Full PDB file with SEQRES, HELIX, SHEET, SSBOND, CRYST1, ORIGX, SCALE, CONECT and MASTER records, all heavy atoms in Angstrom:
SEQRES   1 A   42  LEU GLY GLN ALA GLY GLY SER LEU ARG LEU SER CYS THR          
SEQRES   2 A   42  SER SER VAL ARG THR PHE SER ASN TYR VAL MET GLY TRP          
SEQRES   3 A   42  PHE ARG ARG ALA PRO GLY LYS GLU ARG GLU LEU VAL ALA          
SEQRES   4 A   42  ALA ILE GLY                                                  
HELIX    1 AA1 PHE A   19  ASN A   21  5                                   3    
SHEET    1 AA1 2 MET A  24  ARG A  28  0                                        
SHEET    2 AA1 2 GLU A  36  ILE A  41 -1                                        
CRYST1    1.000    1.000    1.000  90.00  90.00  90.00 P 1           1          
ORIGX1      1.000000  0.000000  0.000000        0.00000                         
ORIGX2      0.000000  1.000000  0.000000        0.00000                         
ORIGX3      0.000000  0.000000  1.000000        0.00000                         
SCALE1      1.000000  0.000000  0.000000        0.00000                         
SCALE2      0.000000  1.000000  0.000000        0.00000                         
SCALE3      0.000000  0.000000  1.000000        0.00000                         
ATOM      1  N   LEU A   1      27.095 -75.925 -20.669  1.00  0.00           N  
ATOM      2  CA  LEU A   1      25.646 -75.875 -20.807  1.00  0.00           C  
ATOM      3  C   LEU A   1      25.082 -74.694 -20.045  1.00  0.00           C  
ATOM      4  O   LEU A   1      25.391 -74.505 -18.866  1.00  0.00           O  
ATOM      5  CB  LEU A   1      25.036 -77.168 -20.277  1.00  0.00           C  
ATOM      6  CG  LEU A   1      23.515 -77.291 -20.353  1.00  0.00           C  
ATOM      7  CD1 LEU A   1      23.048 -77.241 -21.798  1.00  0.00           C  
ATOM      8  CD2 LEU A   1      23.066 -78.577 -19.669  1.00  0.00           C  
ATOM      9  N   GLY A   2      24.253 -73.907 -20.714  1.00  0.00           N  
ATOM     10  CA  GLY A   2      23.599 -72.776 -20.086  1.00  0.00           C  
ATOM     11  C   GLY A   2      22.118 -72.771 -20.407  1.00  0.00           C  
ATOM     12  O   GLY A   2      21.659 -73.518 -21.281  1.00  0.00           O  
ATOM     13  N   GLN A   3      21.394 -71.945 -19.704  1.00  0.00           N  
ATOM     14  CA  GLN A   3      19.955 -71.817 -19.939  1.00  0.00           C  
ATOM     15  C   GLN A   3      19.644 -70.498 -20.614  1.00  0.00           C  
ATOM     16  O   GLN A   3      20.380 -69.515 -20.446  1.00  0.00           O  
ATOM     17  CB  GLN A   3      19.201 -71.910 -18.621  1.00  0.00           C  
ATOM     18  CG  GLN A   3      19.240 -73.295 -17.992  1.00  0.00           C  
ATOM     19  CD  GLN A   3      18.345 -73.391 -16.775  1.00  0.00           C  
ATOM     20  OE1 GLN A   3      18.129 -72.402 -16.090  1.00  0.00           O  
ATOM     21  NE2 GLN A   3      17.819 -74.574 -16.511  1.00  0.00           N  
ATOM     22  N   ALA A   4      18.578 -70.486 -21.369  1.00  0.00           N  
ATOM     23  CA  ALA A   4      18.150 -69.239 -21.996  1.00  0.00           C  
ATOM     24  C   ALA A   4      17.958 -68.177 -20.928  1.00  0.00           C  
ATOM     25  O   ALA A   4      17.337 -68.437 -19.885  1.00  0.00           O  
ATOM     26  CB  ALA A   4      16.855 -69.464 -22.767  1.00  0.00           C  
ATOM     27  N   GLY A   5      18.515 -67.001 -21.195  1.00  0.00           N  
ATOM     28  CA  GLY A   5      18.459 -65.918 -20.228  1.00  0.00           C  
ATOM     29  C   GLY A   5      19.601 -65.920 -19.231  1.00  0.00           C  
ATOM     30  O   GLY A   5      19.771 -64.957 -18.479  1.00  0.00           O  
ATOM     31  N   GLY A   6      20.365 -66.964 -19.226  1.00  0.00           N  
ATOM     32  CA  GLY A   6      21.478 -67.081 -18.301  1.00  0.00           C  
ATOM     33  C   GLY A   6      22.776 -66.542 -18.865  1.00  0.00           C  
ATOM     34  O   GLY A   6      22.789 -65.884 -19.912  1.00  0.00           O  
ATOM     35  N   SER A   7      23.864 -66.843 -18.173  1.00  0.00           N  
ATOM     36  CA  SER A   7      25.185 -66.318 -18.551  1.00  0.00           C  
ATOM     37  C   SER A   7      26.229 -67.429 -18.527  1.00  0.00           C  
ATOM     38  O   SER A   7      26.135 -68.378 -17.747  1.00  0.00           O  
ATOM     39  CB  SER A   7      25.607 -65.213 -17.579  1.00  0.00           C  
ATOM     40  OG  SER A   7      24.714 -64.127 -17.598  1.00  0.00           O  
ATOM     41  N   LEU A   8      27.204 -67.255 -19.389  1.00  0.00           N  
ATOM     42  CA  LEU A   8      28.394 -68.092 -19.401  1.00  0.00           C  
ATOM     43  C   LEU A   8      29.581 -67.213 -19.747  1.00  0.00           C  
ATOM     44  O   LEU A   8      29.408 -66.150 -20.360  1.00  0.00           O  
ATOM     45  CB  LEU A   8      28.273 -69.219 -20.433  1.00  0.00           C  
ATOM     46  CG  LEU A   8      27.298 -70.360 -20.144  1.00  0.00           C  
ATOM     47  CD1 LEU A   8      27.173 -71.251 -21.381  1.00  0.00           C  
ATOM     48  CD2 LEU A   8      27.758 -71.171 -18.950  1.00  0.00           C  
ATOM     49  N   ARG A   9      30.773 -67.669 -19.402  1.00  0.00           N  
ATOM     50  CA  ARG A   9      31.976 -66.932 -19.781  1.00  0.00           C  
ATOM     51  C   ARG A   9      32.996 -67.877 -20.384  1.00  0.00           C  
ATOM     52  O   ARG A   9      33.274 -68.940 -19.833  1.00  0.00           O  
ATOM     53  CB  ARG A   9      32.596 -66.207 -18.588  1.00  0.00           C  
ATOM     54  CG  ARG A   9      33.721 -65.268 -19.000  1.00  0.00           C  
ATOM     55  CD  ARG A   9      34.278 -64.447 -17.863  1.00  0.00           C  
ATOM     56  NE  ARG A   9      35.238 -65.196 -17.063  1.00  0.00           N  
ATOM     57  CZ  ARG A   9      36.146 -64.625 -16.284  1.00  0.00           C  
ATOM     58  NH1 ARG A   9      36.216 -63.308 -16.212  1.00  0.00           N  
ATOM     59  NH2 ARG A   9      36.978 -65.367 -15.568  1.00  0.00           N  
ATOM     60  N   LEU A  10      33.537 -67.452 -21.494  1.00  0.00           N  
ATOM     61  CA  LEU A  10      34.633 -68.157 -22.141  1.00  0.00           C  
ATOM     62  C   LEU A  10      35.936 -67.414 -21.887  1.00  0.00           C  
ATOM     63  O   LEU A  10      35.955 -66.177 -21.853  1.00  0.00           O  
ATOM     64  CB  LEU A  10      34.402 -68.263 -23.642  1.00  0.00           C  
ATOM     65  CG  LEU A  10      33.253 -69.159 -24.105  1.00  0.00           C  
ATOM     66  CD1 LEU A  10      33.014 -68.958 -25.597  1.00  0.00           C  
ATOM     67  CD2 LEU A  10      33.557 -70.600 -23.803  1.00  0.00           C  
ATOM     68  N   SER A  11      37.001 -68.177 -21.735  1.00  0.00           N  
ATOM     69  CA  SER A  11      38.334 -67.615 -21.605  1.00  0.00           C  
ATOM     70  C   SER A  11      39.231 -68.246 -22.648  1.00  0.00           C  
ATOM     71  O   SER A  11      39.042 -69.403 -23.027  1.00  0.00           O  
ATOM     72  CB  SER A  11      38.914 -67.898 -20.213  1.00  0.00           C  
ATOM     73  OG  SER A  11      38.100 -67.359 -19.204  1.00  0.00           O  
ATOM     74  N   CYS A  12      40.190 -67.483 -23.096  1.00  0.00           N  
ATOM     75  CA  CYS A  12      41.171 -67.985 -24.061  1.00  0.00           C  
ATOM     76  C   CYS A  12      42.533 -67.468 -23.632  1.00  0.00           C  
ATOM     77  O   CYS A  12      42.752 -66.261 -23.594  1.00  0.00           O  
ATOM     78  CB  CYS A  12      40.827 -67.516 -25.461  1.00  0.00           C  
ATOM     79  SG  CYS A  12      42.095 -67.888 -26.699  1.00  0.00           S  
ATOM     80  N   THR A  13      43.419 -68.378 -23.341  1.00  0.00           N  
ATOM     81  CA  THR A  13      44.767 -68.019 -22.906  1.00  0.00           C  
ATOM     82  C   THR A  13      45.759 -68.330 -24.005  1.00  0.00           C  
ATOM     83  O   THR A  13      45.737 -69.415 -24.597  1.00  0.00           O  
ATOM     84  CB  THR A  13      45.136 -68.777 -21.630  1.00  0.00           C  
ATOM     85  OG1 THR A  13      44.196 -68.438 -20.602  1.00  0.00           O  
ATOM     86  CG2 THR A  13      46.534 -68.383 -21.159  1.00  0.00           C  
ATOM     87  N   SER A  14      46.628 -67.371 -24.271  1.00  0.00           N  
ATOM     88  CA  SER A  14      47.616 -67.483 -25.339  1.00  0.00           C  
ATOM     89  C   SER A  14      48.994 -67.797 -24.775  1.00  0.00           C  
ATOM     90  O   SER A  14      49.338 -67.350 -23.682  1.00  0.00           O  
ATOM     91  CB  SER A  14      47.669 -66.175 -26.123  1.00  0.00           C  
ATOM     92  OG  SER A  14      48.736 -66.178 -27.038  1.00  0.00           O  
ATOM     93  N   SER A  15      49.777 -68.530 -25.575  1.00  0.00           N  
ATOM     94  CA  SER A  15      51.132 -68.877 -25.149  1.00  0.00           C  
ATOM     95  C   SER A  15      52.162 -67.832 -25.568  1.00  0.00           C  
ATOM     96  O   SER A  15      53.324 -67.919 -25.197  1.00  0.00           O  
ATOM     97  CB  SER A  15      51.531 -70.239 -25.736  1.00  0.00           C  
ATOM     98  OG  SER A  15      51.589 -70.170 -27.147  1.00  0.00           O  
ATOM     99  N   VAL A  16      51.722 -66.847 -26.353  1.00  0.00           N  
ATOM    100  CA  VAL A  16      52.659 -65.862 -26.883  1.00  0.00           C  
ATOM    101  C   VAL A  16      53.185 -64.980 -25.759  1.00  0.00           C  
ATOM    102  O   VAL A  16      52.479 -64.705 -24.779  1.00  0.00           O  
ATOM    103  CB  VAL A  16      51.989 -65.018 -27.979  1.00  0.00           C  
ATOM    104  CG1 VAL A  16      50.964 -64.072 -27.390  1.00  0.00           C  
ATOM    105  CG2 VAL A  16      53.009 -64.253 -28.786  1.00  0.00           C  
ATOM    106  N   ARG A  17      54.438 -64.503 -25.891  1.00  0.00           N  
ATOM    107  CA  ARG A  17      55.026 -63.687 -24.827  1.00  0.00           C  
ATOM    108  C   ARG A  17      54.522 -62.253 -24.842  1.00  0.00           C  
ATOM    109  O   ARG A  17      54.378 -61.616 -23.799  1.00  0.00           O  
ATOM    110  CB  ARG A  17      56.548 -63.706 -24.951  1.00  0.00           C  
ATOM    111  CG  ARG A  17      57.175 -65.038 -24.565  1.00  0.00           C  
ATOM    112  CD  ARG A  17      58.676 -64.911 -24.419  1.00  0.00           C  
ATOM    113  NE  ARG A  17      59.314 -64.482 -25.657  1.00  0.00           N  
ATOM    114  CZ  ARG A  17      60.600 -64.183 -25.751  1.00  0.00           C  
ATOM    115  NH1 ARG A  17      61.373 -64.258 -24.700  1.00  0.00           N  
ATOM    116  NH2 ARG A  17      61.112 -63.814 -26.906  1.00  0.00           N  
ATOM    117  N   THR A  18      54.289 -61.740 -26.050  1.00  0.00           N  
ATOM    118  CA  THR A  18      53.876 -60.335 -26.177  1.00  0.00           C  
ATOM    119  C   THR A  18      52.397 -60.261 -26.521  1.00  0.00           C  
ATOM    120  O   THR A  18      52.002 -59.741 -27.572  1.00  0.00           O  
ATOM    121  CB  THR A  18      54.716 -59.642 -27.260  1.00  0.00           C  
ATOM    122  OG1 THR A  18      54.585 -60.393 -28.488  1.00  0.00           O  
ATOM    123  CG2 THR A  18      56.158 -59.559 -26.853  1.00  0.00           C  
ATOM    124  N   PHE A  19      51.573 -60.775 -25.638  1.00  0.00           N  
ATOM    125  CA  PHE A  19      50.135 -60.887 -25.896  1.00  0.00           C  
ATOM    126  C   PHE A  19      49.505 -59.551 -26.229  1.00  0.00           C  
ATOM    127  O   PHE A  19      48.586 -59.477 -27.041  1.00  0.00           O  
ATOM    128  CB  PHE A  19      49.466 -61.497 -24.667  1.00  0.00           C  
ATOM    129  CG  PHE A  19      47.987 -61.663 -24.801  1.00  0.00           C  
ATOM    130  CD1 PHE A  19      47.461 -62.660 -25.598  1.00  0.00           C  
ATOM    131  CD2 PHE A  19      47.101 -60.824 -24.119  1.00  0.00           C  
ATOM    132  CE1 PHE A  19      46.088 -62.831 -25.723  1.00  0.00           C  
ATOM    133  CE2 PHE A  19      45.732 -60.981 -24.242  1.00  0.00           C  
ATOM    134  CZ  PHE A  19      45.228 -61.988 -25.036  1.00  0.00           C  
ATOM    135  N   SER A  20      50.003 -58.484 -25.646  1.00  0.00           N  
ATOM    136  CA  SER A  20      49.404 -57.167 -25.863  1.00  0.00           C  
ATOM    137  C   SER A  20      49.522 -56.708 -27.305  1.00  0.00           C  
ATOM    138  O   SER A  20      48.826 -55.789 -27.733  1.00  0.00           O  
ATOM    139  CB  SER A  20      50.044 -56.129 -24.937  1.00  0.00           C  
ATOM    140  OG  SER A  20      51.433 -56.023 -25.199  1.00  0.00           O  
ATOM    141  N   ASN A  21      50.398 -57.337 -28.089  1.00  0.00           N  
ATOM    142  CA  ASN A  21      50.577 -56.980 -29.497  1.00  0.00           C  
ATOM    143  C   ASN A  21      49.634 -57.722 -30.430  1.00  0.00           C  
ATOM    144  O   ASN A  21      49.734 -57.580 -31.642  1.00  0.00           O  
ATOM    145  CB  ASN A  21      52.010 -57.262 -29.945  1.00  0.00           C  
ATOM    146  CG  ASN A  21      53.006 -56.303 -29.325  1.00  0.00           C  
ATOM    147  OD1 ASN A  21      52.633 -55.230 -28.851  1.00  0.00           O  
ATOM    148  ND2 ASN A  21      54.272 -56.670 -29.333  1.00  0.00           N  
ATOM    149  N   TYR A  22      48.736 -58.506 -29.869  1.00  0.00           N  
ATOM    150  CA  TYR A  22      47.906 -59.376 -30.699  1.00  0.00           C  
ATOM    151  C   TYR A  22      46.447 -58.965 -30.684  1.00  0.00           C  
ATOM    152  O   TYR A  22      45.864 -58.685 -29.642  1.00  0.00           O  
ATOM    153  CB  TYR A  22      48.032 -60.831 -30.252  1.00  0.00           C  
ATOM    154  CG  TYR A  22      49.315 -61.464 -30.727  1.00  0.00           C  
ATOM    155  CD1 TYR A  22      50.529 -61.139 -30.136  1.00  0.00           C  
ATOM    156  CD2 TYR A  22      49.317 -62.350 -31.794  1.00  0.00           C  
ATOM    157  CE1 TYR A  22      51.708 -61.681 -30.597  1.00  0.00           C  
ATOM    158  CE2 TYR A  22      50.493 -62.917 -32.256  1.00  0.00           C  
ATOM    159  CZ  TYR A  22      51.686 -62.575 -31.649  1.00  0.00           C  
ATOM    160  OH  TYR A  22      52.850 -63.120 -32.114  1.00  0.00           O  
ATOM    161  N   VAL A  23      45.870 -58.946 -31.878  1.00  0.00           N  
ATOM    162  CA  VAL A  23      44.432 -58.815 -32.035  1.00  0.00           C  
ATOM    163  C   VAL A  23      43.798 -60.154 -31.672  1.00  0.00           C  
ATOM    164  O   VAL A  23      44.314 -61.214 -32.030  1.00  0.00           O  
ATOM    165  CB  VAL A  23      44.092 -58.465 -33.504  1.00  0.00           C  
ATOM    166  CG1 VAL A  23      42.599 -58.534 -33.749  1.00  0.00           C  
ATOM    167  CG2 VAL A  23      44.663 -57.122 -33.870  1.00  0.00           C  
ATOM    168  N   MET A  24      42.671 -60.113 -30.990  1.00  0.00           N  
ATOM    169  CA  MET A  24      41.994 -61.340 -30.577  1.00  0.00           C  
ATOM    170  C   MET A  24      40.549 -61.331 -31.058  1.00  0.00           C  
ATOM    171  O   MET A  24      39.885 -60.295 -31.048  1.00  0.00           O  
ATOM    172  CB  MET A  24      42.018 -61.478 -29.060  1.00  0.00           C  
ATOM    173  CG  MET A  24      43.401 -61.468 -28.444  1.00  0.00           C  
ATOM    174  SD  MET A  24      44.455 -62.837 -29.002  1.00  0.00           S  
ATOM    175  CE  MET A  24      43.540 -64.259 -28.387  1.00  0.00           C  
ATOM    176  N   GLY A  25      40.077 -62.487 -31.447  1.00  0.00           N  
ATOM    177  CA  GLY A  25      38.698 -62.595 -31.896  1.00  0.00           C  
ATOM    178  C   GLY A  25      38.030 -63.850 -31.376  1.00  0.00           C  
ATOM    179  O   GLY A  25      38.701 -64.820 -31.028  1.00  0.00           O  
ATOM    180  N   TRP A  26      36.723 -63.794 -31.276  1.00  0.00           N  
ATOM    181  CA  TRP A  26      35.898 -64.962 -30.987  1.00  0.00           C  
ATOM    182  C   TRP A  26      34.983 -65.213 -32.180  1.00  0.00           C  
ATOM    183  O   TRP A  26      34.305 -64.299 -32.650  1.00  0.00           O  
ATOM    184  CB  TRP A  26      35.043 -64.741 -29.739  1.00  0.00           C  
ATOM    185  CG  TRP A  26      35.784 -64.811 -28.444  1.00  0.00           C  
ATOM    186  CD1 TRP A  26      36.205 -63.756 -27.678  1.00  0.00           C  
ATOM    187  CD2 TRP A  26      36.179 -65.996 -27.741  1.00  0.00           C  
ATOM    188  NE1 TRP A  26      36.844 -64.218 -26.553  1.00  0.00           N  
ATOM    189  CE2 TRP A  26      36.839 -65.589 -26.561  1.00  0.00           C  
ATOM    190  CE3 TRP A  26      36.046 -67.352 -27.988  1.00  0.00           C  
ATOM    191  CZ2 TRP A  26      37.367 -66.492 -25.644  1.00  0.00           C  
ATOM    192  CZ3 TRP A  26      36.562 -68.252 -27.079  1.00  0.00           C  
ATOM    193  CH2 TRP A  26      37.214 -67.829 -25.917  1.00  0.00           C  
ATOM    194  N   PHE A  27      34.989 -66.440 -32.643  1.00  0.00           N  
ATOM    195  CA  PHE A  27      34.108 -66.867 -33.721  1.00  0.00           C  
ATOM    196  C   PHE A  27      33.281 -68.043 -33.222  1.00  0.00           C  
ATOM    197  O   PHE A  27      33.593 -68.638 -32.189  1.00  0.00           O  
ATOM    198  CB  PHE A  27      34.927 -67.288 -34.942  1.00  0.00           C  
ATOM    199  CG  PHE A  27      35.573 -66.147 -35.665  1.00  0.00           C  
ATOM    200  CD1 PHE A  27      36.698 -65.506 -35.139  1.00  0.00           C  
ATOM    201  CD2 PHE A  27      35.073 -65.689 -36.869  1.00  0.00           C  
ATOM    202  CE1 PHE A  27      37.295 -64.439 -35.799  1.00  0.00           C  
ATOM    203  CE2 PHE A  27      35.670 -64.631 -37.546  1.00  0.00           C  
ATOM    204  CZ  PHE A  27      36.782 -64.007 -37.010  1.00  0.00           C  
ATOM    205  N   ARG A  28      32.252 -68.392 -33.952  1.00  0.00           N  
ATOM    206  CA  ARG A  28      31.472 -69.568 -33.590  1.00  0.00           C  
ATOM    207  C   ARG A  28      30.958 -70.257 -34.841  1.00  0.00           C  
ATOM    208  O   ARG A  28      30.786 -69.641 -35.892  1.00  0.00           O  
ATOM    209  CB  ARG A  28      30.303 -69.207 -32.670  1.00  0.00           C  
ATOM    210  CG  ARG A  28      29.205 -68.360 -33.309  1.00  0.00           C  
ATOM    211  CD  ARG A  28      28.190 -67.936 -32.256  1.00  0.00           C  
ATOM    212  NE  ARG A  28      27.113 -67.140 -32.835  1.00  0.00           N  
ATOM    213  CZ  ARG A  28      26.171 -66.536 -32.123  1.00  0.00           C  
ATOM    214  NH1 ARG A  28      26.166 -66.625 -30.789  1.00  0.00           N  
ATOM    215  NH2 ARG A  28      25.217 -65.839 -32.719  1.00  0.00           N  
ATOM    216  N   ARG A  29      30.711 -71.549 -34.691  1.00  0.00           N  
ATOM    217  CA  ARG A  29      30.124 -72.342 -35.770  1.00  0.00           C  
ATOM    218  C   ARG A  29      29.005 -73.179 -35.189  1.00  0.00           C  
ATOM    219  O   ARG A  29      29.264 -74.061 -34.359  1.00  0.00           O  
ATOM    220  CB  ARG A  29      31.153 -73.223 -36.462  1.00  0.00           C  
ATOM    221  CG  ARG A  29      30.543 -74.110 -37.540  1.00  0.00           C  
ATOM    222  CD  ARG A  29      31.609 -74.849 -38.309  1.00  0.00           C  
ATOM    223  NE  ARG A  29      32.267 -73.971 -39.246  1.00  0.00           N  
ATOM    224  CZ  ARG A  29      33.518 -74.139 -39.674  1.00  0.00           C  
ATOM    225  NH1 ARG A  29      34.237 -75.139 -39.224  1.00  0.00           N  
ATOM    226  NH2 ARG A  29      34.033 -73.307 -40.537  1.00  0.00           N  
ATOM    227  N   ALA A  30      27.796 -72.876 -35.615  1.00  0.00           N  
ATOM    228  CA  ALA A  30      26.636 -73.650 -35.190  1.00  0.00           C  
ATOM    229  C   ALA A  30      26.437 -74.825 -36.136  1.00  0.00           C  
ATOM    230  O   ALA A  30      26.893 -74.775 -37.286  1.00  0.00           O  
ATOM    231  CB  ALA A  30      25.396 -72.760 -35.180  1.00  0.00           C  
ATOM    232  N   PRO A  31      25.779 -75.862 -35.691  1.00  0.00           N  
ATOM    233  CA  PRO A  31      25.542 -77.026 -36.559  1.00  0.00           C  
ATOM    234  C   PRO A  31      24.864 -76.628 -37.865  1.00  0.00           C  
ATOM    235  O   PRO A  31      23.845 -75.932 -37.871  1.00  0.00           O  
ATOM    236  CB  PRO A  31      24.622 -77.909 -35.707  1.00  0.00           C  
ATOM    237  CG  PRO A  31      24.942 -77.547 -34.305  1.00  0.00           C  
ATOM    238  CD  PRO A  31      25.234 -76.074 -34.336  1.00  0.00           C  
ATOM    239  N   GLY A  32      25.460 -77.043 -38.978  1.00  0.00           N  
ATOM    240  CA  GLY A  32      24.885 -76.761 -40.278  1.00  0.00           C  
ATOM    241  C   GLY A  32      25.081 -75.353 -40.782  1.00  0.00           C  
ATOM    242  O   GLY A  32      24.543 -74.982 -41.828  1.00  0.00           O  
ATOM    243  N   LYS A  33      25.848 -74.563 -40.048  1.00  0.00           N  
ATOM    244  CA  LYS A  33      26.055 -73.172 -40.449  1.00  0.00           C  
ATOM    245  C   LYS A  33      27.539 -72.888 -40.633  1.00  0.00           C  
ATOM    246  O   LYS A  33      28.398 -73.630 -40.168  1.00  0.00           O  
ATOM    247  CB  LYS A  33      25.465 -72.221 -39.403  1.00  0.00           C  
ATOM    248  CG  LYS A  33      23.949 -72.306 -39.271  1.00  0.00           C  
ATOM    249  CD  LYS A  33      23.432 -71.253 -38.317  1.00  0.00           C  
ATOM    250  CE  LYS A  33      21.913 -71.308 -38.211  1.00  0.00           C  
ATOM    251  NZ  LYS A  33      21.391 -70.274 -37.276  1.00  0.00           N  
ATOM    252  N   GLU A  34      27.828 -71.787 -41.287  1.00  0.00           N  
ATOM    253  CA  GLU A  34      29.210 -71.387 -41.478  1.00  0.00           C  
ATOM    254  C   GLU A  34      29.737 -70.676 -40.231  1.00  0.00           C  
ATOM    255  O   GLU A  34      28.968 -70.135 -39.423  1.00  0.00           O  
ATOM    256  CB  GLU A  34      29.323 -70.460 -42.696  1.00  0.00           C  
ATOM    257  CG  GLU A  34      28.997 -71.145 -44.018  1.00  0.00           C  
ATOM    258  CD  GLU A  34      29.269 -70.244 -45.205  1.00  0.00           C  
ATOM    259  OE1 GLU A  34      29.579 -69.060 -44.994  1.00  0.00           O  
ATOM    260  OE2 GLU A  34      29.164 -70.730 -46.347  1.00  0.00           O  
ATOM    261  N   ARG A  35      31.043 -70.664 -40.125  1.00  0.00           N  
ATOM    262  CA  ARG A  35      31.673 -69.949 -39.024  1.00  0.00           C  
ATOM    263  C   ARG A  35      31.389 -68.444 -39.146  1.00  0.00           C  
ATOM    264  O   ARG A  35      31.411 -67.889 -40.246  1.00  0.00           O  
ATOM    265  CB  ARG A  35      33.176 -70.184 -39.053  1.00  0.00           C  
ATOM    266  CG  ARG A  35      33.935 -69.580 -37.881  1.00  0.00           C  
ATOM    267  CD  ARG A  35      35.414 -69.865 -38.031  1.00  0.00           C  
ATOM    268  NE  ARG A  35      35.971 -69.231 -39.224  1.00  0.00           N  
ATOM    269  CZ  ARG A  35      37.152 -69.522 -39.746  1.00  0.00           C  
ATOM    270  NH1 ARG A  35      37.901 -70.451 -39.167  1.00  0.00           N  
ATOM    271  NH2 ARG A  35      37.582 -68.896 -40.817  1.00  0.00           N  
ATOM    272  N   GLU A  36      31.145 -67.807 -38.021  1.00  0.00           N  
ATOM    273  CA  GLU A  36      30.846 -66.379 -38.039  1.00  0.00           C  
ATOM    274  C   GLU A  36      31.551 -65.687 -36.886  1.00  0.00           C  
ATOM    275  O   GLU A  36      31.811 -66.272 -35.837  1.00  0.00           O  
ATOM    276  CB  GLU A  36      29.338 -66.138 -37.925  1.00  0.00           C  
ATOM    277  CG  GLU A  36      28.726 -66.615 -36.630  1.00  0.00           C  
ATOM    278  CD  GLU A  36      27.250 -66.256 -36.506  1.00  0.00           C  
ATOM    279  OE1 GLU A  36      26.698 -65.603 -37.414  1.00  0.00           O  
ATOM    280  OE2 GLU A  36      26.644 -66.635 -35.482  1.00  0.00           O  
ATOM    281  N   LEU A  37      31.827 -64.407 -37.105  1.00  0.00           N  
ATOM    282  CA  LEU A  37      32.414 -63.598 -36.045  1.00  0.00           C  
ATOM    283  C   LEU A  37      31.423 -63.406 -34.926  1.00  0.00           C  
ATOM    284  O   LEU A  37      30.233 -63.191 -35.160  1.00  0.00           O  
ATOM    285  CB  LEU A  37      32.794 -62.216 -36.584  1.00  0.00           C  
ATOM    286  CG  LEU A  37      33.195 -61.205 -35.495  1.00  0.00           C  
ATOM    287  CD1 LEU A  37      34.638 -61.412 -35.096  1.00  0.00           C  
ATOM    288  CD2 LEU A  37      32.910 -59.791 -35.932  1.00  0.00           C  
ATOM    289  N   VAL A  38      31.906 -63.461 -33.709  1.00  0.00           N  
ATOM    290  CA  VAL A  38      31.116 -63.077 -32.541  1.00  0.00           C  
ATOM    291  C   VAL A  38      31.588 -61.716 -32.038  1.00  0.00           C  
ATOM    292  O   VAL A  38      30.793 -60.794 -31.887  1.00  0.00           O  
ATOM    293  CB  VAL A  38      31.239 -64.125 -31.421  1.00  0.00           C  
ATOM    294  CG1 VAL A  38      30.463 -63.677 -30.187  1.00  0.00           C  
ATOM    295  CG2 VAL A  38      30.767 -65.492 -31.914  1.00  0.00           C  
ATOM    296  N   ALA A  39      32.889 -61.598 -31.789  1.00  0.00           N  
ATOM    297  CA  ALA A  39      33.439 -60.353 -31.273  1.00  0.00           C  
ATOM    298  C   ALA A  39      34.939 -60.331 -31.522  1.00  0.00           C  
ATOM    299  O   ALA A  39      35.569 -61.378 -31.660  1.00  0.00           O  
ATOM    300  CB  ALA A  39      33.155 -60.199 -29.780  1.00  0.00           C  
ATOM    301  N   ALA A  40      35.503 -59.136 -31.569  1.00  0.00           N  
ATOM    302  CA  ALA A  40      36.937 -58.978 -31.748  1.00  0.00           C  
ATOM    303  C   ALA A  40      37.410 -57.775 -30.941  1.00  0.00           C  
ATOM    304  O   ALA A  40      36.638 -56.838 -30.693  1.00  0.00           O  
ATOM    305  CB  ALA A  40      37.285 -58.810 -33.226  1.00  0.00           C  
ATOM    306  N   ILE A  41      38.659 -57.820 -30.544  1.00  0.00           N  
ATOM    307  CA  ILE A  41      39.233 -56.727 -29.777  1.00  0.00           C  
ATOM    308  C   ILE A  41      40.614 -56.420 -30.313  1.00  0.00           C  
ATOM    309  O   ILE A  41      41.414 -57.318 -30.590  1.00  0.00           O  
ATOM    310  CB  ILE A  41      39.274 -57.072 -28.273  1.00  0.00           C  
ATOM    311  CG1 ILE A  41      39.705 -55.861 -27.446  1.00  0.00           C  
ATOM    312  CG2 ILE A  41      40.152 -58.282 -27.997  1.00  0.00           C  
ATOM    313  CD1 ILE A  41      39.418 -56.021 -25.956  1.00  0.00           C  
ATOM    314  N   GLY A  42      40.901 -55.147 -30.495  1.00  0.00           N  
ATOM    315  CA  GLY A  42      42.158 -54.732 -31.073  1.00  0.00           C  
ATOM    316  C   GLY A  42      43.311 -54.828 -30.093  1.00  0.00           C  
ATOM    317  O   GLY A  42      43.137 -55.092 -28.906  1.00  0.00           O  
TER     318      GLY A  42                                                      
MASTER        0    0    0    1    2    0    0    6  317    1    0    4          
END                                                                             
């Protein structure tokens, strides 16, 4: 839970051994809406 104007941080840890070889993305799905991209990193 956060407040408008505030900050939060999400973390995602992978079990893969060669993590540096993987593209990573963050998506989100709001109630009643389709999933959408938030950000991605090569």
